[in-house]
Amino acid sequence: MDESQRRFASEDEEAAWCLSLLRDGDRNQKIVARERLSQIFERRGLLDEVAQCLESNIREGVRDPRVYQRLSGIYRRQGRHELADEVLVEARRLAERGGRPPGPRPIV
């Protein structure tokens, strides 16, 4: 089963699975795990942790404009408006180039 489609009984079970992937998974599994953790953290209002997950995925080569847009929104919620604007500019550049290179599918 594709990691991005896996279902869990609880959010805590999902978080534990994601942490195990961060510890033992390959590059693509770690990207998926950080994306899923970012969603959990956002629901819990842990904006610093969301930003860290998204920033790590960008450093790992994720070039999906939606990830940049989401990070821009997180920065804005943190009051980091200048940084949010910079990230949004990059999201637009990526979108104009036609999307993202092959790699793990984004999780929405």
PDB file of N, CA and C in Angstrom:
ATOM      1  N   MET A   1       0.847  -1.185   0.000  1.00  0.00           N
ATOM      2  CA  MET A   1       0.000   0.000   0.000  1.00  0.00           C
ATOM      3  C   MET A   1       0.887   1.241   0.000  1.00  0.00           C
ATOM      4  N   ASP A   2       0.502   2.228  -0.776  1.00  0.00           N
ATOM      5  CA  ASP A   2       1.193   3.507  -0.842  1.00  0.00           C
ATOM      6  C   ASP A   2       1.046   4.220   0.505  1.00  0.00           C
ATOM      7  N   GLU A   3       2.181   4.701   1.045  1.00  0.00           N
ATOM      8  CA  GLU A   3       2.157   5.346   2.362  1.00  0.00           C
ATOM      9  C   GLU A   3       1.196   6.531   2.420  1.00  0.00           C
ATOM     10  N   SER A   4       1.047   7.235   1.300  1.00  0.00           N
ATOM     11  CA  SER A   4       0.186   8.416   1.306  1.00  0.00           C
ATOM     12  C   SER A   4      -1.288   8.065   1.439  1.00  0.00           C
ATOM     13  N   GLN A   5      -1.644   6.793   1.210  1.00  0.00           N
ATOM     14  CA  GLN A   5      -3.043   6.370   1.281  1.00  0.00           C
ATOM     15  C   GLN A   5      -3.384   5.584   2.540  1.00  0.00           C
ATOM     16  N   ARG A   6      -2.411   5.314   3.357  1.00  0.00           N
ATOM     17  CA  ARG A   6      -2.621   4.486   4.551  1.00  0.00           C
ATOM     18  C   ARG A   6      -3.566   5.177   5.534  1.00  0.00           C
ATOM     19  N   ARG A   7      -4.440   4.396   6.159  1.00  0.00           N
ATOM     20  CA  ARG A   7      -5.432   4.913   7.119  1.00  0.00           C
ATOM     21  C   ARG A   7      -5.108   4.381   8.512  1.00  0.00           C
ATOM     22  N   PHE A   8      -5.540   5.149   9.530  1.00  0.00           N
ATOM     23  CA  PHE A   8      -5.237   4.805  10.914  1.00  0.00           C
ATOM     24  C   PHE A   8      -6.473   4.943  11.787  1.00  0.00           C
ATOM     25  N   ALA A   9      -6.453   4.220  12.908  1.00  0.00           N
ATOM     26  CA  ALA A   9      -7.565   4.267  13.853  1.00  0.00           C
ATOM     27  C   ALA A   9      -7.602   5.595  14.607  1.00  0.00           C
ATOM     28  N   SER A  10      -6.433   6.189  14.807  1.00  0.00           N
ATOM     29  CA  SER A  10      -6.383   7.461  15.535  1.00  0.00           C
ATOM     30  C   SER A  10      -5.236   8.313  15.007  1.00  0.00           C
ATOM     31  N   GLU A  11      -5.310   9.577  15.307  1.00  0.00           N
ATOM     32  CA  GLU A  11      -4.250  10.506  14.927  1.00  0.00           C
ATOM     33  C   GLU A  11      -2.942  10.163  15.638  1.00  0.00           C
ATOM     34  N   ASP A  12      -3.029   9.715  16.879  1.00  0.00           N
ATOM     35  CA  ASP A  12      -1.824   9.335  17.620  1.00  0.00           C
ATOM     36  C   ASP A  12      -1.142   8.124  16.979  1.00  0.00           C
ATOM     37  N   GLU A  13      -1.943   7.162  16.500  1.00  0.00           N
ATOM     38  CA  GLU A  13      -1.388   5.998  15.810  1.00  0.00           C
ATOM     39  C   GLU A  13      -0.688   6.435  14.522  1.00  0.00           C
ATOM     40  N   GLU A  14      -1.308   7.357  13.810  1.00  0.00           N
ATOM     41  CA  GLU A  14      -0.703   7.882  12.589  1.00  0.00           C
ATOM     42  C   GLU A  14       0.614   8.592  12.889  1.00  0.00           C
ATOM     43  N   ALA A  15       0.624   9.401  13.929  1.00  0.00           N
ATOM     44  CA  ALA A  15       1.849  10.129  14.306  1.00  0.00           C
ATOM     45  C   ALA A  15       2.968   9.157  14.669  1.00  0.00           C
ATOM     46  N   ALA A  16       2.644   8.099  15.389  1.00  0.00           N
ATOM     47  CA  ALA A  16       3.655   7.109  15.764  1.00  0.00           C
ATOM     48  C   ALA A  16       4.216   6.430  14.519  1.00  0.00           C
ATOM     49  N   TRP A  17       3.354   6.103  13.574  1.00  0.00           N
ATOM     50  CA  TRP A  17       3.799   5.498  12.320  1.00  0.00           C
ATOM     51  C   TRP A  17       4.713   6.454  11.560  1.00  0.00           C
ATOM     52  N   CYS A  18       4.340   7.729  11.508  1.00  0.00           N
ATOM     53  CA  CYS A  18       5.156   8.727  10.814  1.00  0.00           C
ATOM     54  C   CYS A  18       6.530   8.855  11.475  1.00  0.00           C
ATOM     55  N   LEU A  19       6.562   8.863  12.777  1.00  0.00           N
ATOM     56  CA  LEU A  19       7.849   8.962  13.483  1.00  0.00           C
ATOM     57  C   LEU A  19       8.725   7.750  13.197  1.00  0.00           C
ATOM     58  N   SER A  20       8.110   6.575  13.073  1.00  0.00           N
ATOM     59  CA  SER A  20       8.910   5.390  12.740  1.00  0.00           C
ATOM     60  C   SER A  20       9.473   5.504  11.320  1.00  0.00           C
ATOM     61  N   LEU A  21       8.712   6.077  10.403  1.00  0.00           N
ATOM     62  CA  LEU A  21       9.222   6.291   9.048  1.00  0.00           C
ATOM     63  C   LEU A  21      10.363   7.305   9.044  1.00  0.00           C
ATOM     64  N   LEU A  22      10.243   8.346   9.857  1.00  0.00           N
ATOM     65  CA  LEU A  22      11.329   9.326   9.924  1.00  0.00           C
ATOM     66  C   LEU A  22      12.608   8.693  10.441  1.00  0.00           C
ATOM     67  N   ARG A  23      12.461   7.736  11.299  1.00  0.00           N
ATOM     68  CA  ARG A  23      13.626   7.042  11.871  1.00  0.00           C
ATOM     69  C   ARG A  23      14.199   6.017  10.894  1.00  0.00           C
ATOM     70  N   ASP A  24      13.333   5.229  10.246  1.00  0.00           N
ATOM     71  CA  ASP A  24      13.788   4.059   9.489  1.00  0.00           C
ATOM     72  C   ASP A  24      13.457   4.078   8.003  1.00  0.00           C
ATOM     73  N   GLY A  25      12.703   5.046   7.535  1.00  0.00           N
ATOM     74  CA  GLY A  25      12.249   5.027   6.149  1.00  0.00           C
ATOM     75  C   GLY A  25      13.273   5.546   5.157  1.00  0.00           C
ATOM     76  N   ASP A  26      12.949   5.337   3.888  1.00  0.00           N
ATOM     77  CA  ASP A  26      13.791   5.897   2.837  1.00  0.00           C
ATOM     78  C   ASP A  26      13.400   7.361   2.621  1.00  0.00           C
ATOM     79  N   ARG A  27      14.074   8.025   1.691  1.00  0.00           N
ATOM     80  CA  ARG A  27      13.858   9.450   1.462  1.00  0.00           C
ATOM     81  C   ARG A  27      12.386   9.754   1.173  1.00  0.00           C
ATOM     82  N   ASN A  28      11.768   9.011   0.259  1.00  0.00           N
ATOM     83  CA  ASN A  28      10.375   9.272  -0.107  1.00  0.00           C
ATOM     84  C   ASN A  28       9.426   9.017   1.058  1.00  0.00           C
ATOM     85  N   GLN A  29       9.673   7.980   1.822  1.00  0.00           N
ATOM     86  CA  GLN A  29       8.830   7.696   2.993  1.00  0.00           C
ATOM     87  C   GLN A  29       8.944   8.821   4.016  1.00  0.00           C
ATOM     88  N   LYS A  30      10.132   9.360   4.166  1.00  0.00           N
ATOM     89  CA  LYS A  30      10.322  10.461   5.114  1.00  0.00           C
ATOM     90  C   LYS A  30       9.588  11.720   4.662  1.00  0.00           C
ATOM     91  N   ILE A  31       9.576  11.958   3.358  1.00  0.00           N
ATOM     92  CA  ILE A  31       8.825  13.108   2.824  1.00  0.00           C
ATOM     93  C   ILE A  31       7.341  12.945   3.124  1.00  0.00           C
ATOM     94  N   VAL A  32       6.815  11.758   2.870  1.00  0.00           N
ATOM     95  CA  VAL A  32       5.403  11.480   3.153  1.00  0.00           C
ATOM     96  C   VAL A  32       5.127  11.645   4.652  1.00  0.00           C
ATOM     97  N   ALA A  33       6.012  11.117   5.485  1.00  0.00           N
ATOM     98  CA  ALA A  33       5.822  11.188   6.934  1.00  0.00           C
ATOM     99  C   ALA A  33       5.802  12.641   7.409  1.00  0.00           C
ATOM    100  N   ARG A  34       6.722  13.463   6.895  1.00  0.00           N
ATOM    101  CA  ARG A  34       6.740  14.878   7.312  1.00  0.00           C
ATOM    102  C   ARG A  34       5.486  15.602   6.870  1.00  0.00           C
ATOM    103  N   GLU A  35       4.993  15.283   5.676  1.00  0.00           N
ATOM    104  CA  GLU A  35       3.759  15.919   5.204  1.00  0.00           C
ATOM    105  C   GLU A  35       2.586  15.538   6.107  1.00  0.00           C
ATOM    106  N   ARG A  36       2.484  14.262   6.426  1.00  0.00           N
ATOM    107  CA  ARG A  36       1.379  13.820   7.290  1.00  0.00           C
ATOM    108  C   ARG A  36       1.511  14.410   8.681  1.00  0.00           C
ATOM    109  N   LEU A  37       2.737  14.440   9.215  1.00  0.00           N
ATOM    110  CA  LEU A  37       2.936  15.053  10.533  1.00  0.00           C
ATOM    111  C   LEU A  37       2.582  16.535  10.496  1.00  0.00           C
ATOM    112  N   SER A  38       2.914  17.201   9.408  1.00  0.00           N
ATOM    113  CA  SER A  38       2.595  18.630   9.315  1.00  0.00           C
ATOM    114  C   SER A  38       1.086  18.858   9.409  1.00  0.00           C
ATOM    115  N   GLN A  39       0.323  17.955   8.831  1.00  0.00           N
ATOM    116  CA  GLN A  39      -1.140  18.071   8.907  1.00  0.00           C
ATOM    117  C   GLN A  39      -1.632  17.862  10.340  1.00  0.00           C
ATOM    118  N   ILE A  40      -1.057  16.877  11.012  1.00  0.00           N
ATOM    119  CA  ILE A  40      -1.424  16.623  12.416  1.00  0.00           C
ATOM    120  C   ILE A  40      -1.057  17.829  13.271  1.00  0.00           C
ATOM    121  N   PHE A  41       0.165  18.328  13.098  1.00  0.00           N
ATOM    122  CA  PHE A  41       0.620  19.482  13.875  1.00  0.00           C
ATOM    123  C   PHE A  41      -0.258  20.697  13.619  1.00  0.00           C
ATOM    124  N   GLU A  42      -0.654  20.898  12.379  1.00  0.00           N
ATOM    125  CA  GLU A  42      -1.489  22.058  12.068  1.00  0.00           C
ATOM    126  C   GLU A  42      -2.846  21.955  12.757  1.00  0.00           C
ATOM    127  N   ARG A  43      -3.433  20.763  12.745  1.00  0.00           N
ATOM    128  CA  ARG A  43      -4.719  20.593  13.439  1.00  0.00           C
ATOM    129  C   ARG A  43      -4.583  20.873  14.930  1.00  0.00           C
ATOM    130  N   ARG A  44      -3.395  20.638  15.468  1.00  0.00           N
ATOM    131  CA  ARG A  44      -3.149  20.862  16.896  1.00  0.00           C
ATOM    132  C   ARG A  44      -2.611  22.258  17.194  1.00  0.00           C
ATOM    133  N   GLY A  45      -2.461  23.081  16.155  1.00  0.00           N
ATOM    134  CA  GLY A  45      -2.007  24.453  16.351  1.00  0.00           C
ATOM    135  C   GLY A  45      -0.512  24.594  16.608  1.00  0.00           C
ATOM    136  N   LEU A  46       0.275  23.591  16.242  1.00  0.00           N
ATOM    137  CA  LEU A  46       1.723  23.604  16.470  1.00  0.00           C
ATOM    138  C   LEU A  46       2.414  24.135  15.217  1.00  0.00           C
ATOM    139  N   LEU A  47       2.349  25.451  15.026  1.00  0.00           N
ATOM    140  CA  LEU A  47       2.801  26.060  13.784  1.00  0.00           C
ATOM    141  C   LEU A  47       4.306  25.948  13.565  1.00  0.00           C
ATOM    142  N   ASP A  48       5.103  26.053  14.613  1.00  0.00           N
ATOM    143  CA  ASP A  48       6.556  25.911  14.455  1.00  0.00           C
ATOM    144  C   ASP A  48       6.902  24.529  13.901  1.00  0.00           C
ATOM    145  N   GLU A  49       6.228  23.517  14.411  1.00  0.00           N
ATOM    146  CA  GLU A  49       6.478  22.150  13.964  1.00  0.00           C
ATOM    147  C   GLU A  49       6.012  21.935  12.529  1.00  0.00           C
ATOM    148  N   VAL A  50       4.891  22.560  12.166  1.00  0.00           N
ATOM    149  CA  VAL A  50       4.417  22.485  10.782  1.00  0.00           C
ATOM    150  C   VAL A  50       5.481  23.077   9.861  1.00  0.00           C
ATOM    151  N   ALA A  51       5.953  24.268  10.209  1.00  0.00           N
ATOM    152  CA  ALA A  51       6.962  24.935   9.385  1.00  0.00           C
ATOM    153  C   ALA A  51       8.210  24.070   9.252  1.00  0.00           C
ATOM    154  N   GLN A  52       8.640  23.453  10.332  1.00  0.00           N
ATOM    155  CA  GLN A  52       9.838  22.608  10.281  1.00  0.00           C
ATOM    156  C   GLN A  52       9.649  21.430   9.327  1.00  0.00           C
ATOM    157  N   CYS A  53       8.497  20.804   9.375  1.00  0.00           N
ATOM    158  CA  CYS A  53       8.224  19.674   8.477  1.00  0.00           C
ATOM    159  C   CYS A  53       8.243  20.121   7.015  1.00  0.00           C
ATOM    160  N   LEU A  54       7.561  21.214   6.716  1.00  0.00           N
ATOM    161  CA  LEU A  54       7.486  21.688   5.335  1.00  0.00           C
ATOM    162  C   LEU A  54       8.849  22.163   4.848  1.00  0.00           C
ATOM    163  N   GLU A  55       9.583  22.875   5.698  1.00  0.00           N
ATOM    164  CA  GLU A  55      10.930  23.329   5.334  1.00  0.00           C
ATOM    165  C   GLU A  55      11.851  22.145   5.056  1.00  0.00           C
ATOM    166  N   SER A  56      11.751  21.110   5.862  1.00  0.00           N
ATOM    167  CA  SER A  56      12.576  19.916   5.651  1.00  0.00           C
ATOM    168  C   SER A  56      12.259  19.258   4.317  1.00  0.00           C
ATOM    169  N   ASN A  57      10.988  19.189   3.981  1.00  0.00           N
ATOM    170  CA  ASN A  57      10.625  18.592   2.694  1.00  0.00           C
ATOM    171  C   ASN A  57      11.145  19.421   1.528  1.00  0.00           C
ATOM    172  N   ILE A  58      11.110  20.721   1.660  1.00  0.00           N
ATOM    173  CA  ILE A  58      11.653  21.591   0.609  1.00  0.00           C
ATOM    174  C   ILE A  58      13.162  21.375   0.485  1.00  0.00           C
ATOM    175  N   ARG A  59      13.850  21.279   1.621  1.00  0.00           N
ATOM    176  CA  ARG A  59      15.297  21.006   1.580  1.00  0.00           C
ATOM    177  C   ARG A  59      15.583  19.653   0.932  1.00  0.00           C
ATOM    178  N   GLU A  60      14.651  18.714   1.050  1.00  0.00           N
ATOM    179  CA  GLU A  60      14.815  17.384   0.452  1.00  0.00           C
ATOM    180  C   GLU A  60      14.431  17.353  -1.026  1.00  0.00           C
ATOM    181  N   GLY A  61      14.049  18.493  -1.577  1.00  0.00           N
ATOM    182  CA  GLY A  61      13.802  18.569  -3.008  1.00  0.00           C
ATOM    183  C   GLY A  61      12.357  18.608  -3.443  1.00  0.00           C
ATOM    184  N   VAL A  62      11.408  18.673  -2.524  1.00  0.00           N
ATOM    185  CA  VAL A  62      10.001  18.774  -2.902  1.00  0.00           C
ATOM    186  C   VAL A  62       9.784  20.145  -3.540  1.00  0.00           C
ATOM    187  N   ARG A  63       9.266  20.143  -4.754  1.00  0.00           N
ATOM    188  CA  ARG A  63       9.058  21.392  -5.488  1.00  0.00           C
ATOM    189  C   ARG A  63       7.599  21.563  -5.909  1.00  0.00           C
ATOM    190  N   ASP A  64       6.706  21.078  -5.106  1.00  0.00           N
ATOM    191  CA  ASP A  64       5.275  21.227  -5.359  1.00  0.00           C
ATOM    192  C   ASP A  64       4.869  22.630  -4.895  1.00  0.00           C
ATOM    193  N   PRO A  65       4.323  23.438  -5.784  1.00  0.00           N
ATOM    194  CA  PRO A  65       3.934  24.796  -5.390  1.00  0.00           C
ATOM    195  C   PRO A  65       2.977  24.836  -4.201  1.00  0.00           C
ATOM    196  N   ARG A  66       2.167  23.786  -4.059  1.00  0.00           N
ATOM    197  CA  ARG A  66       1.207  23.758  -2.943  1.00  0.00           C
ATOM    198  C   ARG A  66       1.905  23.679  -1.597  1.00  0.00           C
ATOM    199  N   VAL A  67       3.062  23.023  -1.539  1.00  0.00           N
ATOM    200  CA  VAL A  67       3.827  22.953  -0.292  1.00  0.00           C
ATOM    201  C   VAL A  67       4.322  24.358   0.068  1.00  0.00           C
ATOM    202  N   TYR A  68       4.808  25.081  -0.926  1.00  0.00           N
ATOM    203  CA  TYR A  68       5.282  26.450  -0.705  1.00  0.00           C
ATOM    204  C   TYR A  68       4.127  27.366  -0.294  1.00  0.00           C
ATOM    205  N   GLN A  69       2.989  27.209  -0.936  1.00  0.00           N
ATOM    206  CA  GLN A  69       1.821  28.030  -0.578  1.00  0.00           C
ATOM    207  C   GLN A  69       1.392  27.754   0.862  1.00  0.00           C
ATOM    208  N   ARG A  70       1.416  26.505   1.215  1.00  0.00           N
ATOM    209  CA  ARG A  70       1.033  26.131   2.581  1.00  0.00           C
ATOM    210  C   ARG A  70       2.023  26.700   3.589  1.00  0.00           C
ATOM    211  N   LEU A  71       3.320  26.601   3.286  1.00  0.00           N
ATOM    212  CA  LEU A  71       4.338  27.156   4.170  1.00  0.00           C
ATOM    213  C   LEU A  71       4.177  28.676   4.275  1.00  0.00           C
ATOM    214  N   SER A  72       3.869  29.325   3.184  1.00  0.00           N
ATOM    215  CA  SER A  72       3.627  30.770   3.213  1.00  0.00           C
ATOM    216  C   SER A  72       2.487  31.110   4.171  1.00  0.00           C
ATOM    217  N   GLY A  73       1.422  30.325   4.117  1.00  0.00           N
ATOM    218  CA  GLY A  73       0.291  30.550   5.022  1.00  0.00           C
ATOM    219  C   GLY A  73       0.666  30.345   6.480  1.00  0.00           C
ATOM    220  N   ILE A  74       1.495  29.361   6.746  1.00  0.00           N
ATOM    221  CA  ILE A  74       1.950  29.108   8.119  1.00  0.00           C
ATOM    222  C   ILE A  74       2.780  30.290   8.601  1.00  0.00           C
ATOM    223  N   TYR A  75       3.716  30.726   7.744  1.00  0.00           N
ATOM    224  CA  TYR A  75       4.544  31.886   8.114  1.00  0.00           C
ATOM    225  C   TYR A  75       3.668  33.105   8.406  1.00  0.00           C
ATOM    226  N   ARG A  76       2.640  33.319   7.594  1.00  0.00           N
ATOM    227  CA  ARG A  76       1.747  34.458   7.808  1.00  0.00           C
ATOM    228  C   ARG A  76       1.048  34.345   9.169  1.00  0.00           C
ATOM    229  N   ARG A  77       0.590  33.136   9.492  1.00  0.00           N
ATOM    230  CA  ARG A  77      -0.079  32.923  10.787  1.00  0.00           C
ATOM    231  C   ARG A  77       0.886  33.145  11.953  1.00  0.00           C
ATOM    232  N   GLN A  78       2.185  32.950  11.698  1.00  0.00           N
ATOM    233  CA  GLN A  78       3.197  33.177  12.726  1.00  0.00           C
ATOM    234  C   GLN A  78       3.616  34.645  12.789  1.00  0.00           C
ATOM    235  N   GLY A  79       3.099  35.456  11.884  1.00  0.00           N
ATOM    236  CA  GLY A  79       3.483  36.861  11.849  1.00  0.00           C
ATOM    237  C   GLY A  79       4.768  37.120  11.082  1.00  0.00           C
ATOM    238  N   ARG A  80       5.214  36.157  10.328  1.00  0.00           N
ATOM    239  CA  ARG A  80       6.453  36.267   9.546  1.00  0.00           C
ATOM    240  C   ARG A  80       6.093  36.630   8.101  1.00  0.00           C
ATOM    241  N   HIS A  81       5.528  37.819   7.931  1.00  0.00           N
ATOM    242  CA  HIS A  81       4.939  38.219   6.657  1.00  0.00           C
ATOM    243  C   HIS A  81       5.958  38.365   5.532  1.00  0.00           C
ATOM    244  N   GLU A  82       7.123  38.895   5.821  1.00  0.00           N
ATOM    245  CA  GLU A  82       8.136  39.056   4.781  1.00  0.00           C
ATOM    246  C   GLU A  82       8.585  37.693   4.234  1.00  0.00           C
ATOM    247  N   LEU A  83       8.821  36.766   5.123  1.00  0.00           N
ATOM    248  CA  LEU A  83       9.205  35.421   4.715  1.00  0.00           C
ATOM    249  C   LEU A  83       8.065  34.734   3.960  1.00  0.00           C
ATOM    250  N   ALA A  84       6.843  34.967   4.409  1.00  0.00           N
ATOM    251  CA  ALA A  84       5.672  34.399   3.726  1.00  0.00           C
ATOM    252  C   ALA A  84       5.619  34.886   2.284  1.00  0.00           C
ATOM    253  N   ASP A  85       5.890  36.171   2.084  1.00  0.00           N
ATOM    254  CA  ASP A  85       5.877  36.730   0.732  1.00  0.00           C
ATOM    255  C   ASP A  85       6.960  36.109  -0.144  1.00  0.00           C
ATOM    256  N   GLU A  86       8.149  35.906   0.409  1.00  0.00           N
ATOM    257  CA  GLU A  86       9.254  35.297  -0.344  1.00  0.00           C
ATOM    258  C   GLU A  86       8.890  33.878  -0.785  1.00  0.00           C
ATOM    259  N   VAL A  87       8.301  33.113   0.116  1.00  0.00           N
ATOM    260  CA  VAL A  87       7.938  31.731  -0.196  1.00  0.00           C
ATOM    261  C   VAL A  87       6.823  31.704  -1.238  1.00  0.00           C
ATOM    262  N   LEU A  88       5.902  32.649  -1.154  1.00  0.00           N
ATOM    263  CA  LEU A  88       4.812  32.711  -2.124  1.00  0.00           C
ATOM    264  C   LEU A  88       5.336  33.042  -3.518  1.00  0.00           C
ATOM    265  N   VAL A  89       6.341  33.892  -3.607  1.00  0.00           N
ATOM    266  CA  VAL A  89       6.966  34.199  -4.904  1.00  0.00           C
ATOM    267  C   VAL A  89       7.538  32.917  -5.514  1.00  0.00           C
ATOM    268  N   GLU A  90       8.208  32.126  -4.695  1.00  0.00           N
ATOM    269  CA  GLU A  90       8.768  30.856  -5.191  1.00  0.00           C
ATOM    270  C   GLU A  90       7.654  29.899  -5.609  1.00  0.00           C
ATOM    271  N   ALA A  91       6.561  29.874  -4.882  1.00  0.00           N
ATOM    272  CA  ALA A  91       5.429  29.018  -5.256  1.00  0.00           C
ATOM    273  C   ALA A  91       4.911  29.413  -6.634  1.00  0.00           C
ATOM    274  N   ARG A  92       4.829  30.701  -6.882  1.00  0.00           N
ATOM    275  CA  ARG A  92       4.347  31.165  -8.194  1.00  0.00           C
ATOM    276  C   ARG A  92       5.315  30.776  -9.304  1.00  0.00           C
ATOM    277  N   ARG A  93       6.617  30.907  -9.027  1.00  0.00           N
ATOM    278  CA  ARG A  93       7.621  30.506 -10.027  1.00  0.00           C
ATOM    279  C   ARG A  93       7.477  29.029 -10.369  1.00  0.00           C
ATOM    280  N   LEU A  94       7.328  28.215  -9.347  1.00  0.00           N
ATOM    281  CA  LEU A  94       7.180  26.778  -9.569  1.00  0.00           C
ATOM    282  C   LEU A  94       5.915  26.474 -10.361  1.00  0.00           C
ATOM    283  N   ALA A  95       4.831  27.143 -10.024  1.00  0.00           N
ATOM    284  CA  ALA A  95       3.567  26.916 -10.721  1.00  0.00           C
ATOM    285  C   ALA A  95       3.686  27.314 -12.196  1.00  0.00           C
ATOM    286  N   GLU A  96       4.397  28.402 -12.465  1.00  0.00           N
ATOM    287  CA  GLU A  96       4.574  28.851 -13.849  1.00  0.00           C
ATOM    288  C   GLU A  96       5.414  27.869 -14.649  1.00  0.00           C
ATOM    289  N   ARG A  97       6.331  27.176 -13.991  1.00  0.00           N
ATOM    290  CA  ARG A  97       7.174  26.180 -14.673  1.00  0.00           C
ATOM    291  C   ARG A  97       6.410  24.892 -14.966  1.00  0.00           C
ATOM    292  N   GLY A  98       5.215  24.822 -14.468  1.00  0.00           N
ATOM    293  CA  GLY A  98       4.396  23.659 -14.803  1.00  0.00           C
ATOM    294  C   GLY A  98       4.351  22.570 -13.770  1.00  0.00           C
ATOM    295  N   GLY A  99       4.577  22.915 -12.527  1.00  0.00           N
ATOM    296  CA  GLY A  99       4.370  21.907 -11.494  1.00  0.00           C
ATOM    297  C   GLY A  99       5.624  21.393 -10.874  1.00  0.00           C
ATOM    298  N   ARG A 100       5.692  20.080 -10.763  1.00  0.00           N
ATOM    299  CA  ARG A 100       6.719  19.465  -9.939  1.00  0.00           C
ATOM    300  C   ARG A 100       7.414  18.346 -10.694  1.00  0.00           C
ATOM    301  N   PRO A 101       8.661  18.093 -10.367  1.00  0.00           N
ATOM    302  CA  PRO A 101       9.375  16.978 -10.996  1.00  0.00           C
ATOM    303  C   PRO A 101       8.880  15.647 -10.449  1.00  0.00           C
ATOM    304  N   PRO A 102       9.251  14.544 -11.080  1.00  0.00           N
ATOM    305  CA  PRO A 102       8.854  13.245 -10.554  1.00  0.00           C
ATOM    306  C   PRO A 102       9.361  13.051  -9.135  1.00  0.00           C
ATOM    307  N   GLY A 103       8.621  12.379  -8.364  1.00  0.00           N
ATOM    308  CA  GLY A 103       8.986  12.121  -6.965  1.00  0.00           C
ATOM    309  C   GLY A 103       7.768  11.662  -6.229  1.00  0.00           C
ATOM    310  N   PRO A 104       7.809  11.713  -4.903  1.00  0.00           N
ATOM    311  CA  PRO A 104       6.636  11.267  -4.151  1.00  0.00           C
ATOM    312  C   PRO A 104       5.438  12.155  -4.459  1.00  0.00           C
ATOM    313  N   ARG A 105       4.305  11.532  -4.518  1.00  0.00           N
ATOM    314  CA  ARG A 105       3.083  12.296  -4.750  1.00  0.00           C
ATOM    315  C   ARG A 105       2.782  13.163  -3.548  1.00  0.00           C
ATOM    316  N   PRO A 106       2.334  14.404  -3.788  1.00  0.00           N
ATOM    317  CA  PRO A 106       1.960  15.241  -2.642  1.00  0.00           C
ATOM    318  C   PRO A 106       0.715  14.684  -1.968  1.00  0.00           C
ATOM    319  N   ILE A 107       0.627  14.923  -0.708  1.00  0.00           N
ATOM    320  CA  ILE A 107      -0.532  14.481   0.062  1.00  0.00           C
ATOM    321  C   ILE A 107      -1.408  15.696   0.295  1.00  0.00           C
ATOM    322  N   VAL A 108      -2.652  15.580  -0.058  1.00  0.00           N
ATOM    323  CA  VAL A 108      -3.580  16.702   0.117  1.00  0.00           C
ATOM    324  C   VAL A 108      -4.682  16.334   1.054  1.00  0.00           C
TER     325      VAL A 108
END
